All heavy atoms as atom14 arrays in JSON, in Angstrom:
{
  "sequence": "IRHTRSMLELWHMRAEMFGLVATCHTQDEAQRRMAALNRHFPTRSP",
  "atom14_mask": [
    [1, 1, 1, 1, 1, 1, 1, 1, 0, 0, 0, 0, 0, 0],
    [1, 1, 1, 1, 1, 1, 1, 1, 1, 1, 1, 0, 0, 0],
    [1, 1, 1, 1, 1, 1, 1, 1, 1, 1, 0, 0, 0, 0],
    [1, 1, 1, 1, 1, 1, 1, 0, 0, 0, 0, 0, 0, 0],
    [1, 1, 1, 1, 1, 1, 1, 1, 1, 1, 1, 0, 0, 0],
    [1, 1, 1, 1, 1, 1, 0, 0, 0, 0, 0, 0, 0, 0],
    [1, 1, 1, 1, 1, 1, 1, 1, 0, 0, 0, 0, 0, 0],
    [1, 1, 1, 1, 1, 1, 1, 1, 0, 0, 0, 0, 0, 0],
    [1, 1, 1, 1, 1, 1, 1, 1, 1, 0, 0, 0, 0, 0],
    [1, 1, 1, 1, 1, 1, 1, 1, 0, 0, 0, 0, 0, 0],
    [1, 1, 1, 1, 1, 1, 1, 1, 1, 1, 1, 1, 1, 1],
    [1, 1, 1, 1, 1, 1, 1, 1, 1, 1, 0, 0, 0, 0],
    [1, 1, 1, 1, 1, 1, 1, 1, 0, 0, 0, 0, 0, 0],
    [1, 1, 1, 1, 1, 1, 1, 1, 1, 1, 1, 0, 0, 0],
    [1, 1, 1, 1, 1, 0, 0, 0, 0, 0, 0, 0, 0, 0],
    [1, 1, 1, 1, 1, 1, 1, 1, 1, 0, 0, 0, 0, 0],
    [1, 1, 1, 1, 1, 1, 1, 1, 0, 0, 0, 0, 0, 0],
    [1, 1, 1, 1, 1, 1, 1, 1, 1, 1, 1, 0, 0, 0],
    [1, 1, 1, 1, 0, 0, 0, 0, 0, 0, 0, 0, 0, 0],
    [1, 1, 1, 1, 1, 1, 1, 1, 0, 0, 0, 0, 0, 0],
    [1, 1, 1, 1, 1, 1, 1, 0, 0, 0, 0, 0, 0, 0],
    [1, 1, 1, 1, 1, 0, 0, 0, 0, 0, 0, 0, 0, 0],
    [1, 1, 1, 1, 1, 1, 1, 0, 0, 0, 0, 0, 0, 0],
    [1, 1, 1, 1, 1, 1, 0, 0, 0, 0, 0, 0, 0, 0],
    [1, 1, 1, 1, 1, 1, 1, 1, 1, 1, 0, 0, 0, 0],
    [1, 1, 1, 1, 1, 1, 1, 0, 0, 0, 0, 0, 0, 0],
    [1, 1, 1, 1, 1, 1, 1, 1, 1, 0, 0, 0, 0, 0],
    [1, 1, 1, 1, 1, 1, 1, 1, 0, 0, 0, 0, 0, 0],
    [1, 1, 1, 1, 1, 1, 1, 1, 1, 0, 0, 0, 0, 0],
    [1, 1, 1, 1, 1, 0, 0, 0, 0, 0, 0, 0, 0, 0],
    [1, 1, 1, 1, 1, 1, 1, 1, 1, 0, 0, 0, 0, 0],
    [1, 1, 1, 1, 1, 1, 1, 1, 1, 1, 1, 0, 0, 0],
    [1, 1, 1, 1, 1, 1, 1, 1, 1, 1, 1, 0, 0, 0],
    [1, 1, 1, 1, 1, 1, 1, 1, 0, 0, 0, 0, 0, 0],
    [1, 1, 1, 1, 1, 0, 0, 0, 0, 0, 0, 0, 0, 0],
    [1, 1, 1, 1, 1, 0, 0, 0, 0, 0, 0, 0, 0, 0],
    [1, 1, 1, 1, 1, 1, 1, 1, 0, 0, 0, 0, 0, 0],
    [1, 1, 1, 1, 1, 1, 1, 1, 0, 0, 0, 0, 0, 0],
    [1, 1, 1, 1, 1, 1, 1, 1, 1, 1, 1, 0, 0, 0],
    [1, 1, 1, 1, 1, 1, 1, 1, 1, 1, 0, 0, 0, 0],
    [1, 1, 1, 1, 1, 1, 1, 1, 1, 1, 1, 0, 0, 0],
    [1, 1, 1, 1, 1, 1, 1, 0, 0, 0, 0, 0, 0, 0],
    [1, 1, 1, 1, 1, 1, 1, 0, 0, 0, 0, 0, 0, 0],
    [1, 1, 1, 1, 1, 1, 1, 1, 1, 1, 1, 0, 0, 0],
    [1, 1, 1, 1, 1, 1, 0, 0, 0, 0, 0, 0, 0, 0],
    [1, 1, 1, 1, 1, 1, 1, 0, 0, 0, 0, 0, 0, 0]
  ],
  "atom14_positions": [
    [[86.43, 114.95, 116.29], [86.74, 115.69, 115.06], [86.0, 117.02, 115.04], [86.57, 118.06, 114.69], [86.37, 114.84, 113.82], [87.35, 113.68, 113.68], [86.34, 115.69, 112.56], [86.94, 112.65, 112.66], [0.0, 0.0, 0.0], [0.0, 0.0, 0.0], [0.0, 0.0, 0.0], [0.0, 0.0, 0.0], [0.0, 0.0, 0.0], [0.0, 0.0, 0.0]],
    [[84.74, 117.02, 115.41], [83.96, 118.27, 115.4], [84.51, 119.32, 116.36], [84.27, 120.5, 116.18], [82.5, 117.97, 115.75], [81.7, 117.4, 114.61], [80.21, 117.41, 114.92], [79.88, 116.62, 116.11], [79.57, 115.34, 116.09], [79.58, 114.67, 114.97], [79.27, 114.71, 117.21], [0.0, 0.0, 0.0], [0.0, 0.0, 0.0], [0.0, 0.0, 0.0]],
    [[85.24, 118.89, 117.37], [85.76, 119.83, 118.36], [87.26, 120.12, 118.23], [87.84, 120.72, 119.12], [85.44, 119.31, 119.77], [83.98, 119.37, 120.06], [83.13, 118.34, 119.74], [83.21, 120.34, 120.6], [81.9, 118.67, 120.09], [81.92, 119.88, 120.61], [0.0, 0.0, 0.0], [0.0, 0.0, 0.0], [0.0, 0.0, 0.0], [0.0, 0.0, 0.0]],
    [[87.86, 119.71, 117.12], [89.28, 120.02, 116.91], [89.42, 121.5, 116.59], [88.53, 122.12, 116.02], [89.9, 119.2, 115.77], [89.15, 119.43, 114.59], [89.94, 117.74, 116.11], [0.0, 0.0, 0.0], [0.0, 0.0, 0.0], [0.0, 0.0, 0.0], [0.0, 0.0, 0.0], [0.0, 0.0, 0.0], [0.0, 0.0, 0.0], [0.0, 0.0, 0.0]],
    [[90.58, 122.04, 116.94], [90.83, 123.46, 116.7], [91.97, 123.71, 115.74], [92.2, 124.84, 115.35], [91.14, 124.16, 118.03], [89.97, 124.15, 118.99], [90.41, 124.62, 120.32], [91.42, 123.66, 120.8], [91.86, 123.59, 122.02], [91.44, 124.43, 122.91], [92.75, 122.71, 122.38], [0.0, 0.0, 0.0], [0.0, 0.0, 0.0], [0.0, 0.0, 0.0]],
    [[92.69, 122.65, 115.36], [93.84, 122.89, 114.5], [94.07, 121.69, 113.58], [93.58, 120.59, 113.81], [95.1, 123.11, 115.34], [95.47, 121.92, 115.99], [0.0, 0.0, 0.0], [0.0, 0.0, 0.0], [0.0, 0.0, 0.0], [0.0, 0.0, 0.0], [0.0, 0.0, 0.0], [0.0, 0.0, 0.0], [0.0, 0.0, 0.0], [0.0, 0.0, 0.0]],
    [[94.87, 121.94, 112.54], [95.25, 120.88, 111.62], [96.11, 119.85, 112.33], [96.07, 118.67, 111.99], [96.0, 121.48, 110.42], [95.15, 122.35, 109.53], [93.85, 121.43, 108.7], [94.82, 120.47, 107.55], [0.0, 0.0, 0.0], [0.0, 0.0, 0.0], [0.0, 0.0, 0.0], [0.0, 0.0, 0.0], [0.0, 0.0, 0.0], [0.0, 0.0, 0.0]],
    [[96.88, 120.28, 113.3], [97.74, 119.35, 114.03], [96.91, 118.32, 114.8], [97.24, 117.13, 114.82], [98.67, 120.11, 114.98], [99.74, 119.3, 115.68], [100.67, 118.64, 114.67], [100.53, 120.17, 116.63], [0.0, 0.0, 0.0], [0.0, 0.0, 0.0], [0.0, 0.0, 0.0], [0.0, 0.0, 0.0], [0.0, 0.0, 0.0], [0.0, 0.0, 0.0]],
    [[95.82, 118.75, 115.4], [94.94, 117.81, 116.1], [94.34, 116.81, 115.13], [94.25, 115.62, 115.43], [93.82, 118.56, 116.82], [94.27, 119.35, 118.02], [93.12, 120.08, 118.69], [92.01, 119.51, 118.76], [93.33, 121.21, 119.14], [0.0, 0.0, 0.0], [0.0, 0.0, 0.0], [0.0, 0.0, 0.0], [0.0, 0.0, 0.0], [0.0, 0.0, 0.0]],
    [[93.95, 117.28, 113.95], [93.41, 116.36, 112.94], [94.49, 115.39, 112.47], [94.21, 114.21, 112.25], [92.85, 117.16, 111.75], [91.55, 117.91, 112.04], [91.23, 118.86, 110.9], [90.41, 116.94, 112.27], [0.0, 0.0, 0.0], [0.0, 0.0, 0.0], [0.0, 0.0, 0.0], [0.0, 0.0, 0.0], [0.0, 0.0, 0.0], [0.0, 0.0, 0.0]],
    [[95.7, 115.87, 112.31], [96.79, 115.01, 111.86], [96.99, 113.85, 112.84], [97.22, 112.72, 112.43], [98.07, 115.84, 111.73], [99.22, 115.07, 111.17], [99.47, 114.81, 109.85], [100.28, 114.45, 111.91], [100.62, 114.07, 109.73], [101.14, 113.83, 110.98], [100.58, 114.37, 113.26], [102.27, 113.15, 111.36], [101.71, 113.67, 113.64], [102.55, 113.08, 112.69]],
    [[96.86, 114.13, 114.13], [97.05, 113.09, 115.14], [95.92, 112.06, 115.15], [96.09, 110.97, 115.69], [97.22, 113.71, 116.53], [98.57, 114.3, 116.75], [99.7, 113.53, 116.87], [98.98, 115.58, 116.85], [100.76, 114.3, 117.05], [100.34, 115.56, 117.04], [0.0, 0.0, 0.0], [0.0, 0.0, 0.0], [0.0, 0.0, 0.0], [0.0, 0.0, 0.0]],
    [[94.78, 112.36, 114.58], [93.65, 111.43, 114.56], [93.71, 110.45, 113.4], [92.92, 109.51, 113.34], [92.34, 112.21, 114.48], [92.02, 112.95, 115.72], [90.42, 113.74, 115.55], [90.42, 114.73, 117.01], [0.0, 0.0, 0.0], [0.0, 0.0, 0.0], [0.0, 0.0, 0.0], [0.0, 0.0, 0.0], [0.0, 0.0, 0.0], [0.0, 0.0, 0.0]],
    [[94.64, 110.63, 112.49], [94.7, 109.8, 111.29], [94.87, 108.31, 111.59], [94.2, 107.47, 110.99], [95.83, 110.28, 110.37], [95.57, 111.62, 109.78], [96.79, 112.27, 109.11], [97.65, 111.36, 108.38], [98.8, 110.88, 108.85], [99.26, 111.21, 110.02], [99.51, 110.05, 108.12], [0.0, 0.0, 0.0], [0.0, 0.0, 0.0], [0.0, 0.0, 0.0]],
    [[95.76, 107.96, 112.51], [96.01, 106.55, 112.81], [94.76, 105.87, 113.39], [94.43, 104.74, 113.01], [97.18, 106.41, 113.77], [0.0, 0.0, 0.0], [0.0, 0.0, 0.0], [0.0, 0.0, 0.0], [0.0, 0.0, 0.0], [0.0, 0.0, 0.0], [0.0, 0.0, 0.0], [0.0, 0.0, 0.0], [0.0, 0.0, 0.0], [0.0, 0.0, 0.0]],
    [[94.08, 106.56, 114.26], [92.86, 106.0, 114.85], [91.78, 105.82, 113.78], [91.07, 104.81, 113.76], [92.36, 106.92, 115.96], [91.26, 106.33, 116.79], [90.89, 107.21, 117.97], [91.59, 108.21, 118.23], [89.9, 106.87, 118.64], [0.0, 0.0, 0.0], [0.0, 0.0, 0.0], [0.0, 0.0, 0.0], [0.0, 0.0, 0.0], [0.0, 0.0, 0.0]],
    [[91.68, 106.79, 112.89], [90.71, 106.67, 111.79], [91.05, 105.49, 110.89], [90.16, 104.75, 110.47], [90.68, 107.96, 110.97], [89.99, 109.09, 111.66], [89.81, 110.5, 110.57], [88.81, 109.83, 109.28], [0.0, 0.0, 0.0], [0.0, 0.0, 0.0], [0.0, 0.0, 0.0], [0.0, 0.0, 0.0], [0.0, 0.0, 0.0], [0.0, 0.0, 0.0]],
    [[92.34, 105.36, 110.56], [92.75, 104.26, 109.7], [92.37, 102.91, 110.31], [91.8, 102.06, 109.64], [94.26, 104.31, 109.45], [94.74, 103.24, 108.52], [94.73, 103.45, 107.15], [95.19, 102.03, 109.01], [95.17, 102.45, 106.29], [95.62, 101.03, 108.16], [95.62, 101.24, 106.79], [0.0, 0.0, 0.0], [0.0, 0.0, 0.0], [0.0, 0.0, 0.0]],
    [[92.66, 102.74, 111.59], [92.34, 101.49, 112.26], [90.84, 101.21, 112.28], [90.41, 100.08, 112.06], [0.0, 0.0, 0.0], [0.0, 0.0, 0.0], [0.0, 0.0, 0.0], [0.0, 0.0, 0.0], [0.0, 0.0, 0.0], [0.0, 0.0, 0.0], [0.0, 0.0, 0.0], [0.0, 0.0, 0.0], [0.0, 0.0, 0.0], [0.0, 0.0, 0.0]],
    [[90.06, 102.24, 112.51], [88.61, 102.07, 112.56], [88.04, 101.69, 111.2], [87.24, 100.77, 111.08], [87.97, 103.35, 113.08], [86.47, 103.33, 113.3], [86.11, 102.29, 114.35], [85.99, 104.7, 113.75], [0.0, 0.0, 0.0], [0.0, 0.0, 0.0], [0.0, 0.0, 0.0], [0.0, 0.0, 0.0], [0.0, 0.0, 0.0], [0.0, 0.0, 0.0]],
    [[88.47, 102.39, 110.15], [87.97, 102.09, 108.8], [88.45, 100.71, 108.36], [87.69, 99.94, 107.77], [88.4, 103.19, 107.8], [88.02, 102.81, 106.38], [87.77, 104.52, 108.17], [0.0, 0.0, 0.0], [0.0, 0.0, 0.0], [0.0, 0.0, 0.0], [0.0, 0.0, 0.0], [0.0, 0.0, 0.0], [0.0, 0.0, 0.0], [0.0, 0.0, 0.0]],
    [[89.7, 100.37, 108.65], [90.22, 99.06, 108.25], [89.48, 97.93, 108.97], [89.28, 96.86, 108.4], [91.72, 98.98, 108.55], [0.0, 0.0, 0.0], [0.0, 0.0, 0.0], [0.0, 0.0, 0.0], [0.0, 0.0, 0.0], [0.0, 0.0, 0.0], [0.0, 0.0, 0.0], [0.0, 0.0, 0.0], [0.0, 0.0, 0.0], [0.0, 0.0, 0.0]],
    [[89.08, 98.16, 110.21], [88.35, 97.14, 110.96], [86.93, 96.97, 110.43], [86.45, 95.84, 110.29], [88.29, 97.53, 112.46], [89.62, 97.65, 112.94], [87.55, 96.48, 113.27], [0.0, 0.0, 0.0], [0.0, 0.0, 0.0], [0.0, 0.0, 0.0], [0.0, 0.0, 0.0], [0.0, 0.0, 0.0], [0.0, 0.0, 0.0], [0.0, 0.0, 0.0]],
    [[86.28, 98.08, 110.11], [84.88, 98.02, 109.66], [84.75, 97.7, 108.17], [83.71, 97.2, 107.75], [84.18, 99.32, 109.99], [84.03, 99.59, 111.76], [0.0, 0.0, 0.0], [0.0, 0.0, 0.0], [0.0, 0.0, 0.0], [0.0, 0.0, 0.0], [0.0, 0.0, 0.0], [0.0, 0.0, 0.0], [0.0, 0.0, 0.0], [0.0, 0.0, 0.0]],
    [[85.73, 98.04, 107.38], [85.69, 97.76, 105.94], [86.89, 96.88, 105.59], [86.97, 95.77, 106.06], [85.71, 99.08, 105.14], [84.48, 99.9, 105.33], [83.23, 99.5, 104.93], [84.31, 101.11, 105.9], [82.33, 100.43, 105.23], [82.97, 101.42, 105.83], [0.0, 0.0, 0.0], [0.0, 0.0, 0.0], [0.0, 0.0, 0.0], [0.0, 0.0, 0.0]],
    [[87.79, 97.39, 104.79], [89.02, 96.67, 104.44], [90.2, 97.62, 104.56], [90.03, 98.84, 104.63], [88.98, 96.14, 103.0], [88.92, 97.26, 102.1], [87.79, 95.23, 102.76], [0.0, 0.0, 0.0], [0.0, 0.0, 0.0], [0.0, 0.0, 0.0], [0.0, 0.0, 0.0], [0.0, 0.0, 0.0], [0.0, 0.0, 0.0], [0.0, 0.0, 0.0]],
    [[91.39, 97.05, 104.56], [92.58, 97.88, 104.63], [92.74, 98.72, 103.35], [93.17, 99.87, 103.41], [93.83, 97.02, 104.84], [95.08, 97.84, 105.05], [96.27, 96.99, 105.44], [96.13, 95.82, 105.75], [97.43, 97.6, 105.43], [0.0, 0.0, 0.0], [0.0, 0.0, 0.0], [0.0, 0.0, 0.0], [0.0, 0.0, 0.0], [0.0, 0.0, 0.0]],
    [[92.36, 98.16, 102.22], [92.42, 98.93, 100.97], [91.51, 100.15, 101.03], [91.87, 101.23, 100.57], [92.04, 98.06, 99.77], [93.1, 97.04, 99.44], [94.27, 97.25, 99.82], [92.77, 96.02, 98.79], [0.0, 0.0, 0.0], [0.0, 0.0, 0.0], [0.0, 0.0, 0.0], [0.0, 0.0, 0.0], [0.0, 0.0, 0.0], [0.0, 0.0, 0.0]],
    [[90.32, 99.97, 101.58], [89.39, 101.1, 101.72], [89.95, 102.13, 102.68], [89.85, 103.34, 102.45], [88.02, 100.6, 102.21], [87.01, 101.7, 102.43], [86.62, 102.45, 101.16], [86.85, 101.94, 100.04], [86.07, 103.56, 101.29], [0.0, 0.0, 0.0], [0.0, 0.0, 0.0], [0.0, 0.0, 0.0], [0.0, 0.0, 0.0], [0.0, 0.0, 0.0]],
    [[90.57, 101.68, 103.76], [91.18, 102.6, 104.72], [92.32, 103.37, 104.06], [92.45, 104.59, 104.26], [91.68, 101.84, 105.95], [0.0, 0.0, 0.0], [0.0, 0.0, 0.0], [0.0, 0.0, 0.0], [0.0, 0.0, 0.0], [0.0, 0.0, 0.0], [0.0, 0.0, 0.0], [0.0, 0.0, 0.0], [0.0, 0.0, 0.0], [0.0, 0.0, 0.0]],
    [[93.13, 102.71, 103.27], [94.22, 103.39, 102.57], [93.69, 104.41, 101.57], [94.24, 105.5, 101.43], [95.13, 102.38, 101.86], [95.98, 101.59, 102.82], [96.77, 100.48, 102.14], [96.44, 100.05, 101.04], [97.81, 100.03, 102.81], [0.0, 0.0, 0.0], [0.0, 0.0, 0.0], [0.0, 0.0, 0.0], [0.0, 0.0, 0.0], [0.0, 0.0, 0.0]],
    [[92.6, 104.07, 100.89], [92.0, 105.0, 99.93], [91.49, 106.26, 100.63], [91.74, 107.38, 100.2], [90.85, 104.32, 99.17], [90.27, 105.17, 98.05], [89.04, 104.51, 97.44], [87.93, 104.44, 98.36], [87.16, 105.48, 98.72], [87.41, 106.67, 98.26], [86.15, 105.31, 99.55], [0.0, 0.0, 0.0], [0.0, 0.0, 0.0], [0.0, 0.0, 0.0]],
    [[90.8, 106.06, 101.74], [90.27, 107.21, 102.48], [91.38, 108.07, 103.08], [91.31, 109.29, 103.08], [89.32, 106.75, 103.57], [88.04, 106.16, 103.01], [87.07, 105.78, 104.1], [85.96, 105.01, 103.55], [84.87, 104.73, 104.21], [84.71, 105.14, 105.46], [83.91, 104.04, 103.64], [0.0, 0.0, 0.0], [0.0, 0.0, 0.0], [0.0, 0.0, 0.0]],
    [[92.42, 107.4, 103.6], [93.53, 108.16, 104.18], [94.3, 108.93, 103.12], [94.77, 110.03, 103.37], [94.46, 107.24, 104.96], [93.84, 106.67, 106.22], [93.01, 107.87, 107.29], [94.34, 108.94, 107.7], [0.0, 0.0, 0.0], [0.0, 0.0, 0.0], [0.0, 0.0, 0.0], [0.0, 0.0, 0.0], [0.0, 0.0, 0.0], [0.0, 0.0, 0.0]],
    [[94.42, 108.37, 101.93], [95.11, 109.1, 100.85], [94.35, 110.38, 100.52], [94.96, 111.42, 100.25], [95.23, 108.21, 99.62], [0.0, 0.0, 0.0], [0.0, 0.0, 0.0], [0.0, 0.0, 0.0], [0.0, 0.0, 0.0], [0.0, 0.0, 0.0], [0.0, 0.0, 0.0], [0.0, 0.0, 0.0], [0.0, 0.0, 0.0], [0.0, 0.0, 0.0]],
    [[93.02, 110.32, 100.56], [92.23, 111.52, 100.3], [92.42, 112.56, 101.4], [92.45, 113.76, 101.12], [90.75, 111.15, 100.16], [0.0, 0.0, 0.0], [0.0, 0.0, 0.0], [0.0, 0.0, 0.0], [0.0, 0.0, 0.0], [0.0, 0.0, 0.0], [0.0, 0.0, 0.0], [0.0, 0.0, 0.0], [0.0, 0.0, 0.0], [0.0, 0.0, 0.0]],
    [[92.56, 112.1, 102.64], [92.74, 113.04, 103.75], [94.18, 113.54, 103.87], [94.41, 114.68, 104.28], [92.33, 112.37, 105.07], [90.85, 112.01, 105.18], [90.59, 111.23, 106.46], [89.97, 113.23, 105.1], [0.0, 0.0, 0.0], [0.0, 0.0, 0.0], [0.0, 0.0, 0.0], [0.0, 0.0, 0.0], [0.0, 0.0, 0.0], [0.0, 0.0, 0.0]],
    [[95.14, 112.71, 103.49], [96.55, 113.09, 103.61], [96.94, 114.22, 102.68], [97.97, 114.86, 102.9], [97.45, 111.88, 103.36], [97.5, 110.95, 104.54], [97.14, 111.31, 105.65], [97.93, 109.72, 104.3], [0.0, 0.0, 0.0], [0.0, 0.0, 0.0], [0.0, 0.0, 0.0], [0.0, 0.0, 0.0], [0.0, 0.0, 0.0], [0.0, 0.0, 0.0]],
    [[96.15, 114.52, 101.68], [96.5, 115.6, 100.76], [96.46, 116.97, 101.46], [97.0, 117.94, 100.94], [95.59, 115.6, 99.55], [94.15, 115.94, 99.85], [93.28, 115.82, 98.59], [91.9, 115.89, 98.93], [91.22, 117.01, 99.14], [91.84, 118.16, 99.04], [89.95, 116.99, 99.45], [0.0, 0.0, 0.0], [0.0, 0.0, 0.0], [0.0, 0.0, 0.0]],
    [[95.89, 117.03, 102.62], [95.83, 118.29, 103.37], [97.08, 118.55, 104.2], [97.21, 119.61, 104.8], [94.62, 118.28, 104.32], [93.32, 118.21, 103.61], [92.84, 119.24, 102.85], [92.41, 117.21, 103.52], [91.68, 118.9, 102.32], [91.39, 117.67, 102.72], [0.0, 0.0, 0.0], [0.0, 0.0, 0.0], [0.0, 0.0, 0.0], [0.0, 0.0, 0.0]],
    [[98.01, 117.59, 104.24], [99.19, 117.71, 105.08], [100.45, 117.66, 104.21], [100.45, 117.05, 103.15], [99.21, 116.58, 106.11], [97.97, 116.54, 106.96], [96.99, 115.6, 106.73], [97.77, 117.49, 107.96], [95.84, 115.57, 107.49], [96.62, 117.47, 108.72], [95.65, 116.52, 108.49], [0.0, 0.0, 0.0], [0.0, 0.0, 0.0], [0.0, 0.0, 0.0]],
    [[101.53, 118.29, 104.68], [102.78, 118.26, 103.9], [103.36, 116.86, 103.81], [103.12, 116.02, 104.69], [103.72, 119.19, 104.68], [103.09, 119.41, 106.0], [101.65, 119.05, 105.91], [0.0, 0.0, 0.0], [0.0, 0.0, 0.0], [0.0, 0.0, 0.0], [0.0, 0.0, 0.0], [0.0, 0.0, 0.0], [0.0, 0.0, 0.0], [0.0, 0.0, 0.0]],
    [[104.09, 116.6, 102.74], [104.7, 115.29, 102.54], [106.21, 115.45, 102.36], [106.7, 116.54, 102.09], [104.14, 114.59, 101.29], [104.36, 115.43, 100.16], [102.66, 114.3, 101.43], [0.0, 0.0, 0.0], [0.0, 0.0, 0.0], [0.0, 0.0, 0.0], [0.0, 0.0, 0.0], [0.0, 0.0, 0.0], [0.0, 0.0, 0.0], [0.0, 0.0, 0.0]],
    [[106.9, 114.36, 102.54], [108.35, 114.35, 102.28], [108.73, 112.97, 101.78], [108.02, 112.0, 101.96], [109.13, 114.71, 103.53], [109.09, 113.65, 104.6], [110.06, 113.96, 105.72], [109.93, 112.93, 106.73], [109.76, 113.16, 108.0], [109.72, 114.39, 108.44], [109.65, 112.17, 108.85], [0.0, 0.0, 0.0], [0.0, 0.0, 0.0], [0.0, 0.0, 0.0]],
    [[109.89, 112.91, 101.18], [110.39, 111.63, 100.66], [110.81, 110.75, 101.83], [111.19, 111.25, 102.88], [111.59, 111.88, 99.77], [111.24, 112.69, 98.7], [0.0, 0.0, 0.0], [0.0, 0.0, 0.0], [0.0, 0.0, 0.0], [0.0, 0.0, 0.0], [0.0, 0.0, 0.0], [0.0, 0.0, 0.0], [0.0, 0.0, 0.0], [0.0, 0.0, 0.0]],
    [[110.78, 109.45, 101.65], [111.29, 108.57, 102.7], [112.75, 108.87, 102.97], [113.48, 109.29, 102.08], [111.11, 107.17, 102.13], [110.11, 107.31, 101.05], [110.22, 108.71, 100.54], [0.0, 0.0, 0.0], [0.0, 0.0, 0.0], [0.0, 0.0, 0.0], [0.0, 0.0, 0.0], [0.0, 0.0, 0.0], [0.0, 0.0, 0.0], [0.0, 0.0, 0.0]]
  ]
}
């Protein structure tokens, strides 16, 4: 993370972060943290 150069690189790290937080804490905690980080990226409807 400290050596990323773009938002795209950070976007690609989200899944790995989710898995790590869900493993060490709970899935609800991982979803809460990812929701806070996802606000930096564009969204679209399903």
